[in-house]
Amino acid sequence: MLILKTLARGGELHGFQIADWIQETSDAVLHVEEGSLYPALQRMLIKGWIVGDWGKTEENRRARYYRLTADGRKQLDRELERYGRVAQAIARIVQPA
């Protein structure tokens, strides 16, 4: 969900930019490790939720830039809905008696 939400902001991002944005936006609470990020991106490519094109970074390094597809947007909406239900359920459980 975090990767899809990051890409939903618009534009194209390479893997390091995705991980960096998640870490910065969460005030360094969340860290996405390369060992988790790139397999997740590959699964999303296979499912058609994102597409990736090779390009050059600002440092002139080769990187794959990812963007969200229409199917990816639908999946994000489903995941956000599910997250909302889970967050509400947890809030009810941890609420003081």
PDB file of N, CA and C in Angstrom:
ATOM      1  N   MET A   1       0.824  -1.182   0.000  1.00  0.00           N
ATOM      2  CA  MET A   1       0.000   0.000   0.000  1.00  0.00           C
ATOM      3  C   MET A   1       0.873   1.252   0.000  1.00  0.00           C
ATOM      4  N   LEU A   2       1.966   1.243   0.761  1.00  0.00           N
ATOM      5  CA  LEU A   2       2.803   2.435   0.857  1.00  0.00           C
ATOM      6  C   LEU A   2       3.462   2.779  -0.475  1.00  0.00           C
ATOM      7  N   ILE A   3       3.895   1.758  -1.192  1.00  0.00           N
ATOM      8  CA  ILE A   3       4.522   2.005  -2.493  1.00  0.00           C
ATOM      9  C   ILE A   3       3.488   2.553  -3.469  1.00  0.00           C
ATOM     10  N   LEU A   4       2.325   1.933  -3.517  1.00  0.00           N
ATOM     11  CA  LEU A   4       1.273   2.410  -4.420  1.00  0.00           C
ATOM     12  C   LEU A   4       0.871   3.835  -4.072  1.00  0.00           C
ATOM     13  N   LYS A   5       0.736   4.131  -2.783  1.00  0.00           N
ATOM     14  CA  LYS A   5       0.348   5.478  -2.353  1.00  0.00           C
ATOM     15  C   LYS A   5       1.424   6.488  -2.735  1.00  0.00           C
ATOM     16  N   THR A   6       2.678   6.111  -2.601  1.00  0.00           N
ATOM     17  CA  THR A   6       3.781   6.997  -2.981  1.00  0.00           C
ATOM     18  C   THR A   6       3.727   7.301  -4.469  1.00  0.00           C
ATOM     19  N   LEU A   7       3.502   6.277  -5.284  1.00  0.00           N
ATOM     20  CA  LEU A   7       3.438   6.486  -6.732  1.00  0.00           C
ATOM     21  C   LEU A   7       2.176   7.232  -7.145  1.00  0.00           C
ATOM     22  N   ALA A   8       1.125   7.164  -6.338  1.00  0.00           N
ATOM     23  CA  ALA A   8      -0.127   7.865  -6.658  1.00  0.00           C
ATOM     24  C   ALA A   8       0.038   9.379  -6.576  1.00  0.00           C
ATOM     25  N   ARG A   9       1.092   9.843  -5.938  1.00  0.00           N
ATOM     26  CA  ARG A   9       1.345  11.276  -5.857  1.00  0.00           C
ATOM     27  C   ARG A   9       1.589  11.864  -7.244  1.00  0.00           C
ATOM     28  N   GLY A  10       1.891  11.005  -8.199  1.00  0.00           N
ATOM     29  CA  GLY A  10       2.102  11.466  -9.572  1.00  0.00           C
ATOM     30  C   GLY A  10       3.561  11.417  -9.965  1.00  0.00           C
ATOM     31  N   GLY A  11       3.782  11.437 -11.243  1.00  0.00           N
ATOM     32  CA  GLY A  11       5.145  11.398 -11.745  1.00  0.00           C
ATOM     33  C   GLY A  11       5.737  10.006 -11.701  1.00  0.00           C
ATOM     34  N   GLU A  12       7.010   9.949 -11.982  1.00  0.00           N
ATOM     35  CA  GLU A  12       7.733   8.687 -11.993  1.00  0.00           C
ATOM     36  C   GLU A  12       8.838   8.756 -10.953  1.00  0.00           C
ATOM     37  N   LEU A  13       9.016   7.677 -10.225  1.00  0.00           N
ATOM     38  CA  LEU A  13      10.047   7.610  -9.196  1.00  0.00           C
ATOM     39  C   LEU A  13      10.838   6.325  -9.348  1.00  0.00           C
ATOM     40  N   HIS A  14      12.132   6.389  -9.062  1.00  0.00           N
ATOM     41  CA  HIS A  14      12.910   5.152  -9.019  1.00  0.00           C
ATOM     42  C   HIS A  14      12.898   4.624  -7.590  1.00  0.00           C
ATOM     43  N   GLY A  15      13.386   3.413  -7.406  1.00  0.00           N
ATOM     44  CA  GLY A  15      13.268   2.728  -6.126  1.00  0.00           C
ATOM     45  C   GLY A  15      13.777   3.521  -4.942  1.00  0.00           C
ATOM     46  N   PHE A  16      14.967   4.110  -5.063  1.00  0.00           N
ATOM     47  CA  PHE A  16      15.511   4.873  -3.939  1.00  0.00           C
ATOM     48  C   PHE A  16      14.611   6.046  -3.589  1.00  0.00           C
ATOM     49  N   GLN A  17      14.049   6.711  -4.595  1.00  0.00           N
ATOM     50  CA  GLN A  17      13.150   7.838  -4.331  1.00  0.00           C
ATOM     51  C   GLN A  17      11.892   7.376  -3.595  1.00  0.00           C
ATOM     52  N   ILE A  18      11.376   6.219  -3.949  1.00  0.00           N
ATOM     53  CA  ILE A  18      10.194   5.676  -3.278  1.00  0.00           C
ATOM     54  C   ILE A  18      10.508   5.431  -1.805  1.00  0.00           C
ATOM     55  N   ALA A  19      11.598   4.708  -1.545  1.00  0.00           N
ATOM     56  CA  ALA A  19      11.980   4.398  -0.165  1.00  0.00           C
ATOM     57  C   ALA A  19      12.263   5.669   0.624  1.00  0.00           C
ATOM     58  N   ASP A  20      12.941   6.614   0.006  1.00  0.00           N
ATOM     59  CA  ASP A  20      13.290   7.868   0.669  1.00  0.00           C
ATOM     60  C   ASP A  20      12.042   8.670   1.021  1.00  0.00           C
ATOM     61  N   TRP A  21      11.078   8.730   0.097  1.00  0.00           N
ATOM     62  CA  TRP A  21       9.854   9.502   0.355  1.00  0.00           C
ATOM     63  C   TRP A  21       9.067   8.896   1.511  1.00  0.00           C
ATOM     64  N   ILE A  22       8.970   7.580   1.555  1.00  0.00           N
ATOM     65  CA  ILE A  22       8.258   6.915   2.650  1.00  0.00           C
ATOM     66  C   ILE A  22       8.942   7.212   3.980  1.00  0.00           C
ATOM     67  N   GLN A  23      10.262   7.121   4.000  1.00  0.00           N
ATOM     68  CA  GLN A  23      10.998   7.377   5.237  1.00  0.00           C
ATOM     69  C   GLN A  23      10.844   8.835   5.676  1.00  0.00           C
ATOM     70  N   GLU A  24      11.012   9.767   4.761  1.00  0.00           N
ATOM     71  CA  GLU A  24      10.900  11.188   5.107  1.00  0.00           C
ATOM     72  C   GLU A  24       9.483  11.547   5.549  1.00  0.00           C
ATOM     73  N   THR A  25       8.485  11.068   4.841  1.00  0.00           N
ATOM     74  CA  THR A  25       7.100  11.411   5.139  1.00  0.00           C
ATOM     75  C   THR A  25       6.655  10.822   6.474  1.00  0.00           C
ATOM     76  N   SER A  26       7.227   9.684   6.854  1.00  0.00           N
ATOM     77  CA  SER A  26       6.869   9.050   8.128  1.00  0.00           C
ATOM     78  C   SER A  26       7.749   9.539   9.278  1.00  0.00           C
ATOM     79  N   ASP A  27       8.520  10.594   9.053  1.00  0.00           N
ATOM     80  CA  ASP A  27       9.462  11.099  10.068  1.00  0.00           C
ATOM     81  C   ASP A  27      10.407   9.997  10.537  1.00  0.00           C
ATOM     82  N   ALA A  28      10.870   9.212   9.598  1.00  0.00           N
ATOM     83  CA  ALA A  28      11.847   8.142   9.817  1.00  0.00           C
ATOM     84  C   ALA A  28      11.313   7.000  10.687  1.00  0.00           C
ATOM     85  N   VAL A  29      10.000   6.906  10.837  1.00  0.00           N
ATOM     86  CA  VAL A  29       9.416   5.782  11.571  1.00  0.00           C
ATOM     87  C   VAL A  29       9.421   4.535  10.689  1.00  0.00           C
ATOM     88  N   LEU A  30       9.130   4.716   9.403  1.00  0.00           N
ATOM     89  CA  LEU A  30       9.071   3.597   8.462  1.00  0.00           C
ATOM     90  C   LEU A  30      10.306   3.590   7.572  1.00  0.00           C
ATOM     91  N   HIS A  31      10.895   2.405   7.425  1.00  0.00           N
ATOM     92  CA  HIS A  31      12.054   2.214   6.551  1.00  0.00           C
ATOM     93  C   HIS A  31      11.730   1.073   5.595  1.00  0.00           C
ATOM     94  N   VAL A  32      11.910   1.306   4.322  1.00  0.00           N
ATOM     95  CA  VAL A  32      11.700   0.256   3.329  1.00  0.00           C
ATOM     96  C   VAL A  32      13.078  -0.193   2.860  1.00  0.00           C
ATOM     97  N   GLU A  33      13.433  -1.406   3.196  1.00  0.00           N
ATOM     98  CA  GLU A  33      14.736  -1.953   2.832  1.00  0.00           C
ATOM     99  C   GLU A  33      14.724  -2.430   1.383  1.00  0.00           C
ATOM    100  N   GLU A  34      15.892  -2.361   0.748  1.00  0.00           N
ATOM    101  CA  GLU A  34      16.009  -2.803  -0.647  1.00  0.00           C
ATOM    102  C   GLU A  34      15.544  -4.239  -0.821  1.00  0.00           C
ATOM    103  N   GLY A  35      15.845  -5.082   0.157  1.00  0.00           N
ATOM    104  CA  GLY A  35      15.471  -6.490   0.080  1.00  0.00           C
ATOM    105  C   GLY A  35      13.969  -6.720   0.075  1.00  0.00           C
ATOM    106  N   SER A  36      13.216  -5.735   0.524  1.00  0.00           N
ATOM    107  CA  SER A  36      11.752  -5.798   0.481  1.00  0.00           C
ATOM    108  C   SER A  36      11.193  -5.003  -0.681  1.00  0.00           C
ATOM    109  N   LEU A  37      11.812  -3.853  -0.957  1.00  0.00           N
ATOM    110  CA  LEU A  37      11.291  -2.931  -1.965  1.00  0.00           C
ATOM    111  C   LEU A  37      11.295  -3.534  -3.366  1.00  0.00           C
ATOM    112  N   TYR A  38      12.444  -4.006  -3.821  1.00  0.00           N
ATOM    113  CA  TYR A  38      12.544  -4.428  -5.217  1.00  0.00           C
ATOM    114  C   TYR A  38      11.735  -5.691  -5.529  1.00  0.00           C
ATOM    115  N   PRO A  39      11.670  -6.674  -4.635  1.00  0.00           N
ATOM    116  CA  PRO A  39      10.749  -7.791  -4.897  1.00  0.00           C
ATOM    117  C   PRO A  39       9.289  -7.330  -4.940  1.00  0.00           C
ATOM    118  N   ALA A  40       8.918  -6.380  -4.074  1.00  0.00           N
ATOM    119  CA  ALA A  40       7.542  -5.863  -4.086  1.00  0.00           C
ATOM    120  C   ALA A  40       7.260  -5.141  -5.397  1.00  0.00           C
ATOM    121  N   LEU A  41       8.204  -4.337  -5.859  1.00  0.00           N
ATOM    122  CA  LEU A  41       8.033  -3.645  -7.142  1.00  0.00           C
ATOM    123  C   LEU A  41       7.882  -4.656  -8.276  1.00  0.00           C
ATOM    124  N   GLN A  42       8.672  -5.712  -8.244  1.00  0.00           N
ATOM    125  CA  GLN A  42       8.590  -6.739  -9.287  1.00  0.00           C
ATOM    126  C   GLN A  42       7.218  -7.409  -9.286  1.00  0.00           C
ATOM    127  N   ARG A  43       6.698  -7.724  -8.096  1.00  0.00           N
ATOM    128  CA  ARG A  43       5.357  -8.333  -8.016  1.00  0.00           C
ATOM    129  C   ARG A  43       4.300  -7.380  -8.572  1.00  0.00           C
ATOM    130  N   MET A  44       4.431  -6.093  -8.269  1.00  0.00           N
ATOM    131  CA  MET A  44       3.467  -5.103  -8.758  1.00  0.00           C
ATOM    132  C   MET A  44       3.558  -4.936 -10.270  1.00  0.00           C
ATOM    133  N   LEU A  45       4.762  -5.042 -10.818  1.00  0.00           N
ATOM    134  CA  LEU A  45       4.928  -5.001 -12.277  1.00  0.00           C
ATOM    135  C   LEU A  45       4.200  -6.182 -12.917  1.00  0.00           C
ATOM    136  N   ILE A  46       4.405  -7.368 -12.360  1.00  0.00           N
ATOM    137  CA  ILE A  46       3.788  -8.577 -12.903  1.00  0.00           C
ATOM    138  C   ILE A  46       2.266  -8.485 -12.843  1.00  0.00           C
ATOM    139  N   LYS A  47       1.734  -7.924 -11.758  1.00  0.00           N
ATOM    140  CA  LYS A  47       0.281  -7.798 -11.596  1.00  0.00           C
ATOM    141  C   LYS A  47      -0.304  -6.648 -12.412  1.00  0.00           C
ATOM    142  N   GLY A  48       0.561  -5.822 -12.991  1.00  0.00           N
ATOM    143  CA  GLY A  48       0.078  -4.719 -13.814  1.00  0.00           C
ATOM    144  C   GLY A  48      -0.342  -3.490 -13.024  1.00  0.00           C
ATOM    145  N   TRP A  49       0.039  -3.420 -11.754  1.00  0.00           N
ATOM    146  CA  TRP A  49      -0.324  -2.273 -10.929  1.00  0.00           C
ATOM    147  C   TRP A  49       0.584  -1.080 -11.176  1.00  0.00           C
ATOM    148  N   ILE A  50       1.797  -1.358 -11.659  1.00  0.00           N
ATOM    149  CA  ILE A  50       2.749  -0.306 -11.994  1.00  0.00           C
ATOM    150  C   ILE A  50       3.428  -0.667 -13.306  1.00  0.00           C
ATOM    151  N   VAL A  51       4.034   0.320 -13.926  1.00  0.00           N
ATOM    152  CA  VAL A  51       4.899   0.086 -15.082  1.00  0.00           C
ATOM    153  C   VAL A  51       6.234   0.742 -14.767  1.00  0.00           C
ATOM    154  N   GLY A  52       7.275   0.256 -15.401  1.00  0.00           N
ATOM    155  CA  GLY A  52       8.606   0.795 -15.166  1.00  0.00           C
ATOM    156  C   GLY A  52       9.355   0.985 -16.466  1.00  0.00           C
ATOM    157  N   ASP A  53      10.023   2.119 -16.565  1.00  0.00           N
ATOM    158  CA  ASP A  53      10.848   2.428 -17.735  1.00  0.00           C
ATOM    159  C   ASP A  53      12.245   2.812 -17.265  1.00  0.00           C
ATOM    160  N   TRP A  54      13.233   2.366 -18.013  1.00  0.00           N
ATOM    161  CA  TRP A  54      14.610   2.676 -17.658  1.00  0.00           C
ATOM    162  C   TRP A  54      14.948   4.102 -18.059  1.00  0.00           C
ATOM    163  N   GLY A  55      15.717   4.748 -17.209  1.00  0.00           N
ATOM    164  CA  GLY A  55      16.157   6.116 -17.473  1.00  0.00           C
ATOM    165  C   GLY A  55      17.425   6.409 -16.697  1.00  0.00           C
ATOM    166  N   LYS A  56      17.786   7.682 -16.657  1.00  0.00           N
ATOM    167  CA  LYS A  56      18.994   8.126 -15.952  1.00  0.00           C
ATOM    168  C   LYS A  56      18.603   8.987 -14.758  1.00  0.00           C
ATOM    169  N   THR A  57      19.318   8.809 -13.654  1.00  0.00           N
ATOM    170  CA  THR A  57      19.098   9.634 -12.474  1.00  0.00           C
ATOM    171  C   THR A  57      19.791  10.981 -12.675  1.00  0.00           C
ATOM    172  N   GLU A  58      19.617  11.873 -11.706  1.00  0.00           N
ATOM    173  CA  GLU A  58      20.300  13.166 -11.764  1.00  0.00           C
ATOM    174  C   GLU A  58      21.813  12.990 -11.732  1.00  0.00           C
ATOM    175  N   GLU A  59      22.270  11.879 -11.154  1.00  0.00           N
ATOM    176  CA  GLU A  59      23.707  11.576 -11.095  1.00  0.00           C
ATOM    177  C   GLU A  59      24.166  10.777 -12.312  1.00  0.00           C
ATOM    178  N   ASN A  60      23.297  10.692 -13.332  1.00  0.00           N
ATOM    179  CA  ASN A  60      23.587   9.997 -14.585  1.00  0.00           C
ATOM    180  C   ASN A  60      23.759   8.483 -14.404  1.00  0.00           C
ATOM    181  N   ARG A  61      23.067   7.932 -13.410  1.00  0.00           N
ATOM    182  CA  ARG A  61      23.076   6.482 -13.211  1.00  0.00           C
ATOM    183  C   ARG A  61      21.808   5.891 -13.804  1.00  0.00           C
ATOM    184  N   ARG A  62      21.914   4.667 -14.258  1.00  0.00           N
ATOM    185  CA  ARG A  62      20.770   3.973 -14.840  1.00  0.00           C
ATOM    186  C   ARG A  62      19.831   3.524 -13.720  1.00  0.00           C
ATOM    187  N   ALA A  63      18.548   3.815 -13.879  1.00  0.00           N
ATOM    188  CA  ALA A  63      17.556   3.425 -12.868  1.00  0.00           C
ATOM    189  C   ALA A  63      16.223   3.177 -13.554  1.00  0.00           C
ATOM    190  N   ARG A  64      15.427   2.354 -12.931  1.00  0.00           N
ATOM    191  CA  ARG A  64      14.084   2.089 -13.446  1.00  0.00           C
ATOM    192  C   ARG A  64      13.109   3.019 -12.734  1.00  0.00           C
ATOM    193  N   TYR A  65      12.349   3.755 -13.519  1.00  0.00           N
ATOM    194  CA  TYR A  65      11.369   4.698 -12.990  1.00  0.00           C
ATOM    195  C   TYR A  65       9.983   4.068 -13.084  1.00  0.00           C
ATOM    196  N   TYR A  66       9.273   4.089 -11.973  1.00  0.00           N
ATOM    197  CA  TYR A  66       7.975   3.429 -11.863  1.00  0.00           C
ATOM    198  C   TYR A  66       6.850   4.447 -11.813  1.00  0.00           C
ATOM    199  N   ARG A  67       5.701   4.045 -12.343  1.00  0.00           N
ATOM    200  CA  ARG A  67       4.490   4.871 -12.233  1.00  0.00           C
ATOM    201  C   ARG A  67       3.282   3.948 -12.086  1.00  0.00           C
ATOM    202  N   LEU A  68       2.248   4.497 -11.492  1.00  0.00           N
ATOM    203  CA  LEU A  68       1.024   3.769 -11.193  1.00  0.00           C
ATOM    204  C   LEU A  68       0.170   3.618 -12.450  1.00  0.00           C
ATOM    205  N   THR A  69      -0.462   2.464 -12.615  1.00  0.00           N
ATOM    206  CA  THR A  69      -1.409   2.245 -13.711  1.00  0.00           C
ATOM    207  C   THR A  69      -2.834   2.416 -13.173  1.00  0.00           C
ATOM    208  N   ALA A  70      -3.801   2.368 -14.065  1.00  0.00           N
ATOM    209  CA  ALA A  70      -5.207   2.436 -13.649  1.00  0.00           C
ATOM    210  C   ALA A  70      -5.545   1.256 -12.734  1.00  0.00           C
ATOM    211  N   ASP A  71      -5.035   0.065 -13.057  1.00  0.00           N
ATOM    212  CA  ASP A  71      -5.260  -1.098 -12.191  1.00  0.00           C
ATOM    213  C   ASP A  71      -4.592  -0.904 -10.830  1.00  0.00           C
ATOM    214  N   GLY A  72      -3.443  -0.258 -10.830  1.00  0.00           N
ATOM    215  CA  GLY A  72      -2.758   0.037  -9.574  1.00  0.00           C
ATOM    216  C   GLY A  72      -3.547   1.000  -8.717  1.00  0.00           C
ATOM    217  N   ARG A  73      -4.183   1.972  -9.349  1.00  0.00           N
ATOM    218  CA  ARG A  73      -5.031   2.923  -8.622  1.00  0.00           C
ATOM    219  C   ARG A  73      -6.216   2.193  -7.985  1.00  0.00           C
ATOM    220  N   LYS A  74      -6.811   1.262  -8.726  1.00  0.00           N
ATOM    221  CA  LYS A  74      -7.929   0.483  -8.178  1.00  0.00           C
ATOM    222  C   LYS A  74      -7.467  -0.363  -6.995  1.00  0.00           C
ATOM    223  N   GLN A  75      -6.296  -0.974  -7.127  1.00  0.00           N
ATOM    224  CA  GLN A  75      -5.758  -1.785  -6.033  1.00  0.00           C
ATOM    225  C   GLN A  75      -5.473  -0.912  -4.816  1.00  0.00           C
ATOM    226  N   LEU A  76      -4.920   0.265  -5.031  1.00  0.00           N
ATOM    227  CA  LEU A  76      -4.664   1.186  -3.925  1.00  0.00           C
ATOM    228  C   LEU A  76      -5.960   1.537  -3.211  1.00  0.00           C
ATOM    229  N   ASP A  77      -7.002   1.826  -3.966  1.00  0.00           N
ATOM    230  CA  ASP A  77      -8.296   2.146  -3.357  1.00  0.00           C
ATOM    231  C   ASP A  77      -8.805   0.987  -2.500  1.00  0.00           C
ATOM    232  N   ARG A  78      -8.651  -0.249  -3.000  1.00  0.00           N
ATOM    233  CA  ARG A  78      -9.071  -1.428  -2.225  1.00  0.00           C
ATOM    234  C   ARG A  78      -8.255  -1.553  -0.935  1.00  0.00           C
ATOM    235  N   GLU A  79      -6.951  -1.347  -1.056  1.00  0.00           N
ATOM    236  CA  GLU A  79      -6.086  -1.478   0.115  1.00  0.00           C
ATOM    237  C   GLU A  79      -6.354  -0.382   1.136  1.00  0.00           C
ATOM    238  N   LEU A  80      -6.629   0.832   0.682  1.00  0.00           N
ATOM    239  CA  LEU A  80      -6.945   1.922   1.608  1.00  0.00           C
ATOM    240  C   LEU A  80      -8.263   1.657   2.334  1.00  0.00           C
ATOM    241  N   GLU A  81      -9.227   1.106   1.621  1.00  0.00           N
ATOM    242  CA  GLU A  81     -10.507   0.765   2.247  1.00  0.00           C
ATOM    243  C   GLU A  81     -10.304  -0.307   3.318  1.00  0.00           C
ATOM    244  N   ARG A  82      -9.539  -1.328   2.984  1.00  0.00           N
ATOM    245  CA  ARG A  82      -9.256  -2.407   3.934  1.00  0.00           C
ATOM    246  C   ARG A  82      -8.481  -1.864   5.144  1.00  0.00           C
ATOM    247  N   TYR A  83      -7.518  -0.990   4.891  1.00  0.00           N
ATOM    248  CA  TYR A  83      -6.747  -0.382   5.977  1.00  0.00           C
ATOM    249  C   TYR A  83      -7.662   0.409   6.911  1.00  0.00           C
ATOM    250  N   GLY A  84      -8.603   1.141   6.354  1.00  0.00           N
ATOM    251  CA  GLY A  84      -9.544   1.909   7.165  1.00  0.00           C
ATOM    252  C   GLY A  84     -10.356   1.018   8.091  1.00  0.00           C
ATOM    253  N   ARG A  85     -10.814  -0.108   7.562  1.00  0.00           N
ATOM    254  CA  ARG A  85     -11.592  -1.045   8.382  1.00  0.00           C
ATOM    255  C   ARG A  85     -10.741  -1.634   9.507  1.00  0.00           C
ATOM    256  N   VAL A  86      -9.512  -2.007   9.193  1.00  0.00           N
ATOM    257  CA  VAL A  86      -8.618  -2.580  10.200  1.00  0.00           C
ATOM    258  C   VAL A  86      -8.278  -1.536  11.263  1.00  0.00           C
ATOM    259  N   ALA A  87      -7.974  -0.311  10.846  1.00  0.00           N
ATOM    260  CA  ALA A  87      -7.640   0.754  11.800  1.00  0.00           C
ATOM    261  C   ALA A  87      -8.809   1.029  12.743  1.00  0.00           C
ATOM    262  N   GLN A  88     -10.024   1.025  12.218  1.00  0.00           N
ATOM    263  CA  GLN A  88     -11.204   1.235  13.065  1.00  0.00           C
ATOM    264  C   GLN A  88     -11.379   0.086  14.056  1.00  0.00           C
ATOM    265  N   ALA A  89     -11.169  -1.126  13.611  1.00  0.00           N
ATOM    266  CA  ALA A  89     -11.301  -2.284  14.494  1.00  0.00           C
ATOM    267  C   ALA A  89     -10.263  -2.233  15.612  1.00  0.00           C
ATOM    268  N   ILE A  90      -9.041  -1.890  15.271  1.00  0.00           N
ATOM    269  CA  ILE A  90      -7.988  -1.786  16.287  1.00  0.00           C
ATOM    270  C   ILE A  90      -8.320  -0.677  17.274  1.00  0.00           C
ATOM    271  N   ALA A  91      -8.798   0.450  16.781  1.00  0.00           N
ATOM    272  CA  ALA A  91      -9.158   1.568  17.658  1.00  0.00           C
ATOM    273  C   ALA A  91     -10.234   1.150  18.658  1.00  0.00           C
ATOM    274  N   ARG A  92     -11.192   0.357  18.213  1.00  0.00           N
ATOM    275  CA  ARG A  92     -12.250  -0.112  19.122  1.00  0.00           C
ATOM    276  C   ARG A  92     -11.679  -1.034  20.203  1.00  0.00           C
ATOM    277  N   ILE A  93     -10.714  -1.839  19.836  1.00  0.00           N
ATOM    278  CA  ILE A  93     -10.130  -2.787  20.785  1.00  0.00           C
ATOM    279  C   ILE A  93      -9.251  -2.078  21.813  1.00  0.00           C
ATOM    280  N   VAL A  94      -8.432  -1.134  21.397  1.00  0.00           N
ATOM    281  CA  VAL A  94      -7.496  -0.483  22.324  1.00  0.00           C
ATOM    282  C   VAL A  94      -8.121   0.694  23.067  1.00  0.00           C
ATOM    283  N   GLN A  95      -9.326   1.030  22.734  1.00  0.00           N
ATOM    284  CA  GLN A  95     -10.043   2.125  23.388  1.00  0.00           C
ATOM    285  C   GLN A  95     -10.211   1.801  24.881  1.00  0.00           C
ATOM    286  N   PRO A  96      -9.956   2.783  25.762  1.00  0.00           N
ATOM    287  CA  PRO A  96     -10.128   2.525  27.199  1.00  0.00           C
ATOM    288  C   PRO A  96     -11.566   2.121  27.521  1.00  0.00           C
ATOM    289  N   ALA A  97     -11.703   1.206  28.466  1.00  0.00           N
ATOM    290  CA  ALA A  97     -13.032   0.705  28.852  1.00  0.00           C
ATOM    291  C   ALA A  97     -13.773   1.703  29.723  1.00  0.00           C
TER     292      ALA A  97
END
